[in-house]
C-alpha atoms as a PDB file:
ATOM      1  CA  MET A   1       0.151  -0.003  -0.142  1.00  0.00           C
ATOM      2  CA  VAL A   2       2.877   2.433   0.928  1.00  0.00           C
ATOM      3  CA  ILE A   3       4.695   1.671  -2.122  1.00  0.00           C
ATOM      4  CA  ARG A   4       1.655   2.382  -4.267  1.00  0.00           C
ATOM      5  CA  LEU A   5       1.088   5.558  -2.591  1.00  0.00           C
ATOM      6  CA  SER A   6       4.424   6.829  -2.750  1.00  0.00           C
ATOM      7  CA  THR A   7       4.664   6.541  -6.909  1.00  0.00           C
ATOM      8  CA  ASN A   8       3.823  10.014  -7.178  1.00  0.00           C
ATOM      9  CA  ILE A   9       6.642  11.322  -4.815  1.00  0.00           C
ATOM     10  CA  PRO A  10       9.475  12.597  -6.922  1.00  0.00           C
ATOM     11  CA  VAL A  11      12.562  10.219  -6.592  1.00  0.00           C
ATOM     12  CA  ASN A  12      16.112  11.140  -5.551  1.00  0.00           C
ATOM     13  CA  CYS A  13      14.730  14.567  -3.964  1.00  0.00           C
ATOM     14  CA  ASN A  14      15.033  13.292  -0.361  1.00  0.00           C
ATOM     15  CA  HIS A  15      11.645  13.644   0.574  1.00  0.00           C
ATOM     16  CA  LYS A  16      10.701  12.558   3.823  1.00  0.00           C
ATOM     17  CA  LEU A  17       8.014  10.081   4.543  1.00  0.00           C
ATOM     18  CA  PHE A  18       6.262   9.211   7.973  1.00  0.00           C
ATOM     19  CA  PHE A  19       4.046   6.291   9.060  1.00  0.00           C
ATOM     20  CA  ASP A  20       3.050   4.549  11.957  1.00  0.00           C
ATOM     21  CA  ASN A  21       4.023   0.991  13.175  1.00  0.00           C
ATOM     22  CA  TYR A  22       0.993  -0.645  11.235  1.00  0.00           C
ATOM     23  CA  PHE A  23       3.228   0.303   7.916  1.00  0.00           C
ATOM     24  CA  THR A  24       6.919   0.296   9.204  1.00  0.00           C
ATOM     25  CA  SER A  25       9.426  -2.546   8.218  1.00  0.00           C
ATOM     26  CA  PRO A  26      12.978  -2.373   7.420  1.00  0.00           C
ATOM     27  CA  ASP A  27      12.112  -3.923   3.910  1.00  0.00           C
ATOM     28  CA  LEU A  28       9.936  -0.752   3.140  1.00  0.00           C
ATOM     29  CA  GLN A  29      12.341   1.420   4.263  1.00  0.00           C
ATOM     30  CA  VAL A  30      15.430   0.285   2.419  1.00  0.00           C
ATOM     31  CA  PHE A  31      12.963  -0.126  -0.881  1.00  0.00           C
ATOM     32  CA  LEU A  32      12.155   3.857  -0.181  1.00  0.00           C
ATOM     33  CA  ALA A  33      15.785   4.864   0.437  1.00  0.00           C
ATOM     34  CA  LYS A  34      16.795   3.212  -2.892  1.00  0.00           C
ATOM     35  CA  LYS A  35      14.279   5.358  -4.487  1.00  0.00           C
ATOM     36  CA  GLY A  36      15.749   8.548  -2.628  1.00  0.00           C
ATOM     37  CA  ILE A  37      12.684   8.565  -0.275  1.00  0.00           C
ATOM     38  CA  LEU A  38      13.722   8.819   3.332  1.00  0.00           C
ATOM     39  CA  SER A  39      11.582   7.182   6.107  1.00  0.00           C
ATOM     40  CA  ILE A  40      11.110   7.681   9.442  1.00  0.00           C
ATOM     41  CA  GLY A  41       8.131   5.605  11.502  1.00  0.00           C
ATOM     42  CA  THR A  42       7.111   4.203  14.709  1.00  0.00           C
ATOM     43  CA  VAL A  43       7.679   0.181  14.748  1.00  0.00           C
ATOM     44  CA  ARG A  44       6.760  -2.685  16.407  1.00  0.00           C
ATOM     45  CA  SER A  45       9.501  -5.049  18.139  1.00  0.00           C
ATOM     46  CA  ASN A  46       8.630  -7.925  16.290  1.00  0.00           C
ATOM     47  CA  ARG A  47       9.233  -6.179  12.719  1.00  0.00           C
ATOM     48  CA  ILE A  48      13.140  -5.721  13.587  1.00  0.00           C
ATOM     49  CA  PRO A  49      14.283  -9.630  14.654  1.00  0.00           C
ATOM     50  CA  GLN A  50      17.977  -8.910  13.973  1.00  0.00           C
ATOM     51  CA  CYS A  51      18.035  -6.019  16.224  1.00  0.00           C
ATOM     52  CA  SER A  52      18.422  -6.485  19.898  1.00  0.00           C
ATOM     53  CA  LEU A  53      17.419  -3.336  21.749  1.00  0.00           C
ATOM     54  CA  LYS A  54      16.868  -3.284  25.390  1.00  0.00           C
ATOM     55  CA  SER A  55      13.217  -4.148  26.809  1.00  0.00           C
ATOM     56  CA  GLU A  56      11.143  -1.888  28.123  1.00  0.00           C
ATOM     57  CA  ALA A  57      11.554  -3.253  31.829  1.00  0.00           C
ATOM     58  CA  GLU A  58      15.304  -2.395  31.268  1.00  0.00           C
ATOM     59  CA  LEU A  59      14.706   1.032  29.894  1.00  0.00           C
ATOM     60  CA  LYS A  60      12.123   1.452  33.041  1.00  0.00           C
ATOM     61  CA  LYS A  61      14.740   0.716  35.573  1.00  0.00           C
ATOM     62  CA  MET A  62      17.138   3.312  33.772  1.00  0.00           C
ATOM     63  CA  GLY A  63      14.655   5.902  34.209  1.00  0.00           C
ATOM     64  CA  ARG A  64      12.575   8.318  31.961  1.00  0.00           C
ATOM     65  CA  GLY A  65      14.307   9.702  28.863  1.00  0.00           C
ATOM     66  CA  SER A  66      16.606   6.586  28.636  1.00  0.00           C
ATOM     67  CA  ILE A  67      17.603   5.999  25.056  1.00  0.00           C
ATOM     68  CA  ASP A  68      18.891   2.830  22.807  1.00  0.00           C
ATOM     69  CA  GLU A  69      20.286   3.001  19.704  1.00  0.00           C
ATOM     70  CA  LYS A  70      21.307   0.011  16.814  1.00  0.00           C
ATOM     71  CA  MET A  71      22.404   1.094  13.654  1.00  0.00           C
ATOM     72  CA  ALA A  72      22.418  -1.367  10.513  1.00  0.00           C
ATOM     73  CA  THR A  73      23.278  -1.310   6.975  1.00  0.00           C
ATOM     74  CA  VAL A  74      21.202  -2.930   4.858  1.00  0.00           C
ATOM     75  CA  ASP A  75      21.941  -2.669   0.865  1.00  0.00           C
ATOM     76  CA  ASP A  76      24.087   0.105   1.643  1.00  0.00           C
ATOM     77  CA  ILE A  77      21.405   1.951   3.364  1.00  0.00           C
ATOM     78  CA  GLN A  78      22.030   3.000   6.770  1.00  0.00           C
ATOM     79  CA  ILE A  79      18.862   2.290   9.292  1.00  0.00           C
ATOM     80  CA  SER A  80      18.670   3.537  12.767  1.00  0.00           C
ATOM     81  CA  SER A  81      16.195   1.699  15.324  1.00  0.00           C
ATOM     82  CA  THR A  82      15.904   3.734  18.313  1.00  0.00           C
ATOM     83  CA  ARG A  83      13.811   3.033  21.487  1.00  0.00           C
ATOM     84  CA  TRP A  84      13.230   5.454  23.887  1.00  0.00           C
ATOM     85  CA  TYR A  85      11.398   5.511  27.421  1.00  0.00           C
ATOM     86  CA  ASP A  86       9.183   8.119  28.218  1.00  0.00           C
ATOM     87  CA  ASN A  87       5.734   7.000  29.687  1.00  0.00           C
ATOM     88  CA  LYS A  88       6.220   3.764  27.916  1.00  0.00           C
ATOM     89  CA  ALA A  89       8.668   2.575  25.281  1.00  0.00           C
ATOM     90  CA  VAL A  90       8.438   3.816  21.806  1.00  0.00           C
ATOM     91  CA  THR A  91      10.264   2.167  18.978  1.00  0.00           C
ATOM     92  CA  LEU A  92      11.453   4.177  16.015  1.00  0.00           C
ATOM     93  CA  LEU A  93      12.800   3.351  12.547  1.00  0.00           C
ATOM     94  CA  SER A  94      14.637   5.502  10.461  1.00  0.00           C
ATOM     95  CA  THR A  95      16.496   5.914   7.384  1.00  0.00           C
ATOM     96  CA  PHE A  96      16.522   9.891   7.723  1.00  0.00           C
ATOM     97  CA  THR A  97      17.983  10.374  11.335  1.00  0.00           C
ATOM     98  CA  GLY A  98      19.150   8.747  14.630  1.00  0.00           C
ATOM     99  CA  SER A  99      19.223   9.150  18.028  1.00  0.00           C
ATOM    100  CA  GLU A 100      22.433  11.708  17.963  1.00  0.00           C
ATOM    101  CA  PRO A 101      22.217  14.726  19.144  1.00  0.00           C
ATOM    102  CA  VAL A 102      20.194  14.077  22.336  1.00  0.00           C
ATOM    103  CA  SER A 103      18.149  16.949  23.289  1.00  0.00           C
ATOM    104  CA  GLU A 104      15.866  17.600  26.318  1.00  0.00           C
ATOM    105  CA  VAL A 105      12.137  18.023  26.634  1.00  0.00           C
ATOM    106  CA  SER A 106      10.067  19.146  29.465  1.00  0.00           C
ATOM    107  CA  ARG A 107       7.530  16.296  30.687  1.00  0.00           C
ATOM    108  CA  TRP A 108       4.958  16.055  33.536  1.00  0.00           C
ATOM    109  CA  ASN A 109       5.921  14.146  36.465  1.00  0.00           C
ATOM    110  CA  ARG A 110       2.933  13.121  38.457  1.00  0.00           C
ATOM    111  CA  GLN A 111       4.804  11.827  41.302  1.00  0.00           C
ATOM    112  CA  ASN A 112       6.477  15.211  42.006  1.00  0.00           C
ATOM    113  CA  SER A 113       3.348  17.564  40.538  1.00  0.00           C
ATOM    114  CA  CYS A 114       5.734  19.394  38.415  1.00  0.00           C
ATOM    115  CA  TYR A 115       7.644  19.532  34.970  1.00  0.00           C
ATOM    116  CA  GLN A 116      10.659  17.598  34.588  1.00  0.00           C
ATOM    117  CA  ASN A 117      13.447  17.874  31.447  1.00  0.00           C
ATOM    118  CA  VAL A 118      14.200  14.343  30.271  1.00  0.00           C
ATOM    119  CA  SER A 119      16.678  13.393  27.230  1.00  0.00           C
ATOM    120  CA  CYS A 120      14.700  12.955  24.113  1.00  0.00           C
ATOM    121  CA  PRO A 121      16.388  11.454  20.695  1.00  0.00           C
ATOM    122  CA  HIS A 122      16.852  13.553  17.699  1.00  0.00           C
ATOM    123  CA  VAL A 123      14.545  11.218  15.588  1.00  0.00           C
ATOM    124  CA  VAL A 124      11.517  12.385  18.218  1.00  0.00           C
ATOM    125  CA  THR A 125      12.324  15.914  18.240  1.00  0.00           C
ATOM    126  CA  ASP A 126      13.564  17.157  14.812  1.00  0.00           C
ATOM    127  CA  GLY A 127      12.694  13.809  12.907  1.00  0.00           C
ATOM    128  CA  TRP A 128       8.914  14.105  13.788  1.00  0.00           C
ATOM    129  CA  GLY A 129       9.164  18.024  13.505  1.00  0.00           C
ATOM    130  CA  ARG A 130       7.975  18.099  17.153  1.00  0.00           C
ATOM    131  CA  SER A 131       8.187  16.741  20.341  1.00  0.00           C
ATOM    132  CA  TYR A 132       6.547  13.225  20.400  1.00  0.00           C
END
């Protein structure tokens, strides 16, 4: 479906395509990257079997704002798998950007009833064009 809908996007112009975890897969992102279309999407953990990111429980122990990233090269295409723990773990797959540089975002802390700054990967802040 995504491939058919993306046929109208000019190739090799570095356009960016964003989609959710229903459509995101490494194979799709490699296919699009070969056409010069960069992409970012949330991804289900079972769709990236060769990537061993930390579990949600491990990130939760590390605290809010924890980040784990693995880079892979598939057919000369660089893919970043990033898992970020905010209220829960969010996993993103990108051919556009990775976790660096890490910035800070303000999040509400229910326990202390105040805002706190937490680390946030680049793929979330600048990749999506807003704070997740």
